[in-house]
Amino acid sequence: MNVDLIFKIAAVGILVAVLNILLSRSGRDDQALMVTLSALVIVLGVVVKEISGLFDMIKTLFGL
């Protein structure tokens, strides 16, 4: 597993936390929620892609 993946997820988390605080303090709670949900979808997409690559590697390893 690459350490880059962990750094990407952490960077998205930090960016979303800052945006969420800024939007919440300015009274735009709906937009803060949408930013959080969008980031969640992006991170889940990245994780699913990595898990798919893992399963492909296991299939080729065992010749399935």
N, C-alpha and C. Protein backbone atom coordinates (compact mmCIF):
# COMPACT_ATOMS: atom_id res chain seq x y z
N MET A 1 0.85 -1.18 0.00
CA MET A 1 0.00 0.00 0.00
C MET A 1 0.89 1.24 0.00
N ASN A 2 0.52 2.18 -0.81
CA ASN A 2 1.29 3.41 -0.89
C ASN A 2 0.95 4.35 0.26
N VAL A 3 1.96 5.08 0.69
CA VAL A 3 1.74 6.11 1.70
C VAL A 3 1.06 7.31 1.04
N ASP A 4 1.20 7.42 -0.27
CA ASP A 4 0.58 8.53 -0.99
C ASP A 4 -0.93 8.54 -0.82
N LEU A 5 -1.52 7.37 -0.79
CA LEU A 5 -2.96 7.27 -0.62
C LEU A 5 -3.39 7.87 0.72
N ILE A 6 -2.65 7.57 1.76
CA ILE A 6 -2.97 8.11 3.08
C ILE A 6 -2.82 9.63 3.08
N PHE A 7 -1.76 10.13 2.42
CA PHE A 7 -1.56 11.58 2.37
C PHE A 7 -2.66 12.27 1.56
N LYS A 8 -3.13 11.62 0.48
CA LYS A 8 -4.22 12.21 -0.31
C LYS A 8 -5.49 12.31 0.52
N ILE A 9 -5.81 11.25 1.23
CA ILE A 9 -7.02 11.26 2.05
C ILE A 9 -6.90 12.28 3.17
N ALA A 10 -5.73 12.38 3.78
CA ALA A 10 -5.53 13.36 4.84
C ALA A 10 -5.63 14.79 4.30
N ALA A 11 -5.09 15.03 3.10
CA ALA A 11 -5.17 16.37 2.51
C ALA A 11 -6.61 16.75 2.22
N VAL A 12 -7.39 15.81 1.69
CA VAL A 12 -8.80 16.09 1.44
C VAL A 12 -9.52 16.36 2.75
N GLY A 13 -9.21 15.62 3.78
CA GLY A 13 -9.84 15.81 5.09
C GLY A 13 -9.53 17.17 5.69
N ILE A 14 -8.28 17.60 5.59
CA ILE A 14 -7.90 18.91 6.13
C ILE A 14 -8.57 20.02 5.34
N LEU A 15 -8.57 19.90 4.03
CA LEU A 15 -9.20 20.92 3.19
C LEU A 15 -10.70 21.02 3.47
N VAL A 16 -11.36 19.89 3.62
CA VAL A 16 -12.79 19.89 3.90
C VAL A 16 -13.07 20.46 5.29
N ALA A 17 -12.22 20.15 6.25
CA ALA A 17 -12.42 20.69 7.60
C ALA A 17 -12.34 22.21 7.60
N VAL A 18 -11.36 22.75 6.89
CA VAL A 18 -11.22 24.21 6.82
C VAL A 18 -12.41 24.83 6.11
N LEU A 19 -12.79 24.25 4.96
CA LEU A 19 -13.95 24.79 4.24
C LEU A 19 -15.23 24.68 5.06
N ASN A 20 -15.38 23.59 5.78
CA ASN A 20 -16.56 23.40 6.60
C ASN A 20 -16.64 24.46 7.70
N ILE A 21 -15.52 24.74 8.34
CA ILE A 21 -15.50 25.77 9.39
C ILE A 21 -15.82 27.14 8.80
N LEU A 22 -15.19 27.46 7.67
CA LEU A 22 -15.44 28.77 7.05
C LEU A 22 -16.89 28.94 6.63
N LEU A 23 -17.45 27.91 6.02
CA LEU A 23 -18.83 28.01 5.57
C LEU A 23 -19.81 28.02 6.74
N SER A 24 -19.53 27.27 7.78
CA SER A 24 -20.43 27.24 8.94
C SER A 24 -20.44 28.58 9.66
N ARG A 25 -19.27 29.19 9.78
CA ARG A 25 -19.19 30.48 10.48
C ARG A 25 -19.84 31.60 9.68
N SER A 26 -19.90 31.44 8.36
CA SER A 26 -20.54 32.49 7.56
C SER A 26 -22.04 32.23 7.38
N GLY A 27 -22.55 31.20 8.03
CA GLY A 27 -23.98 30.94 8.00
C GLY A 27 -24.45 30.12 6.83
N ARG A 28 -23.55 29.46 6.15
CA ARG A 28 -23.92 28.64 4.99
C ARG A 28 -23.77 27.16 5.34
N ASP A 29 -24.60 26.74 6.26
CA ASP A 29 -24.52 25.36 6.74
C ASP A 29 -24.88 24.35 5.66
N ASP A 30 -25.80 24.70 4.78
CA ASP A 30 -26.18 23.78 3.70
C ASP A 30 -25.01 23.52 2.76
N GLN A 31 -24.28 24.57 2.43
CA GLN A 31 -23.13 24.40 1.54
C GLN A 31 -22.01 23.65 2.25
N ALA A 32 -21.86 23.85 3.55
CA ALA A 32 -20.85 23.11 4.31
C ALA A 32 -21.16 21.62 4.29
N LEU A 33 -22.43 21.28 4.42
CA LEU A 33 -22.83 19.88 4.36
C LEU A 33 -22.57 19.29 2.98
N MET A 34 -22.85 20.06 1.93
CA MET A 34 -22.62 19.57 0.57
C MET A 34 -21.13 19.37 0.30
N VAL A 35 -20.27 20.24 0.83
CA VAL A 35 -18.82 20.08 0.67
C VAL A 35 -18.37 18.80 1.37
N THR A 36 -18.89 18.57 2.56
CA THR A 36 -18.53 17.37 3.31
C THR A 36 -18.97 16.10 2.58
N LEU A 37 -20.19 16.10 2.07
CA LEU A 37 -20.68 14.92 1.35
C LEU A 37 -19.91 14.70 0.04
N SER A 38 -19.57 15.78 -0.64
CA SER A 38 -18.79 15.65 -1.88
C SER A 38 -17.42 15.05 -1.60
N ALA A 39 -16.79 15.51 -0.54
CA ALA A 39 -15.48 14.97 -0.18
C ALA A 39 -15.58 13.50 0.19
N LEU A 40 -16.65 13.13 0.87
CA LEU A 40 -16.84 11.73 1.23
C LEU A 40 -16.97 10.86 -0.01
N VAL A 41 -17.70 11.33 -1.00
CA VAL A 41 -17.86 10.58 -2.25
C VAL A 41 -16.52 10.46 -2.97
N ILE A 42 -15.74 11.54 -3.00
CA ILE A 42 -14.44 11.51 -3.67
C ILE A 42 -13.50 10.51 -2.98
N VAL A 43 -13.44 10.55 -1.66
CA VAL A 43 -12.55 9.64 -0.92
C VAL A 43 -13.01 8.19 -1.09
N LEU A 44 -14.31 7.96 -1.05
CA LEU A 44 -14.80 6.60 -1.25
C LEU A 44 -14.49 6.09 -2.65
N GLY A 45 -14.55 6.98 -3.64
CA GLY A 45 -14.18 6.59 -5.00
C GLY A 45 -12.72 6.18 -5.09
N VAL A 46 -11.85 6.92 -4.43
CA VAL A 46 -10.42 6.59 -4.45
C VAL A 46 -10.17 5.26 -3.75
N VAL A 47 -10.84 5.05 -2.62
CA VAL A 47 -10.64 3.81 -1.86
C VAL A 47 -11.18 2.61 -2.64
N VAL A 48 -12.32 2.77 -3.28
CA VAL A 48 -12.89 1.67 -4.07
C VAL A 48 -11.97 1.32 -5.23
N LYS A 49 -11.36 2.34 -5.86
CA LYS A 49 -10.42 2.08 -6.95
C LYS A 49 -9.21 1.29 -6.45
N GLU A 50 -8.71 1.62 -5.29
CA GLU A 50 -7.56 0.90 -4.73
C GLU A 50 -7.94 -0.53 -4.35
N ILE A 51 -9.13 -0.73 -3.80
CA ILE A 51 -9.57 -2.08 -3.45
C ILE A 51 -9.77 -2.92 -4.71
N SER A 52 -10.27 -2.30 -5.76
CA SER A 52 -10.42 -3.00 -7.03
C SER A 52 -9.06 -3.44 -7.57
N GLY A 53 -8.07 -2.58 -7.47
CA GLY A 53 -6.72 -2.95 -7.88
C GLY A 53 -6.16 -4.09 -7.05
N LEU A 54 -6.47 -4.09 -5.76
CA LEU A 54 -6.03 -5.17 -4.88
C LEU A 54 -6.65 -6.50 -5.30
N PHE A 55 -7.96 -6.50 -5.58
CA PHE A 55 -8.62 -7.73 -6.01
C PHE A 55 -8.08 -8.22 -7.35
N ASP A 56 -7.78 -7.30 -8.26
CA ASP A 56 -7.20 -7.70 -9.55
C ASP A 56 -5.83 -8.35 -9.34
N MET A 57 -5.04 -7.79 -8.43
CA MET A 57 -3.72 -8.36 -8.15
C MET A 57 -3.86 -9.75 -7.53
N ILE A 58 -4.82 -9.94 -6.66
CA ILE A 58 -5.04 -11.25 -6.04
C ILE A 58 -5.50 -12.26 -7.10
N LYS A 59 -6.37 -11.82 -8.00
CA LYS A 59 -6.83 -12.73 -9.07
C LYS A 59 -5.68 -13.16 -9.96
N THR A 60 -4.80 -12.24 -10.32
CA THR A 60 -3.67 -12.63 -11.17
C THR A 60 -2.65 -13.47 -10.39
N LEU A 61 -2.55 -13.23 -9.10
CA LEU A 61 -1.61 -13.99 -8.29
C LEU A 61 -2.03 -15.46 -8.19
N PHE A 62 -3.32 -15.70 -8.03
CA PHE A 62 -3.81 -17.06 -7.91
C PHE A 62 -4.28 -17.64 -9.24
N GLY A 63 -4.20 -16.87 -10.31
CA GLY A 63 -4.56 -17.36 -11.63
C GLY A 63 -6.04 -17.61 -11.80
N LEU A 64 -6.86 -16.80 -11.20
CA LEU A 64 -8.31 -16.99 -11.30
C LEU A 64 -8.88 -16.27 -12.49
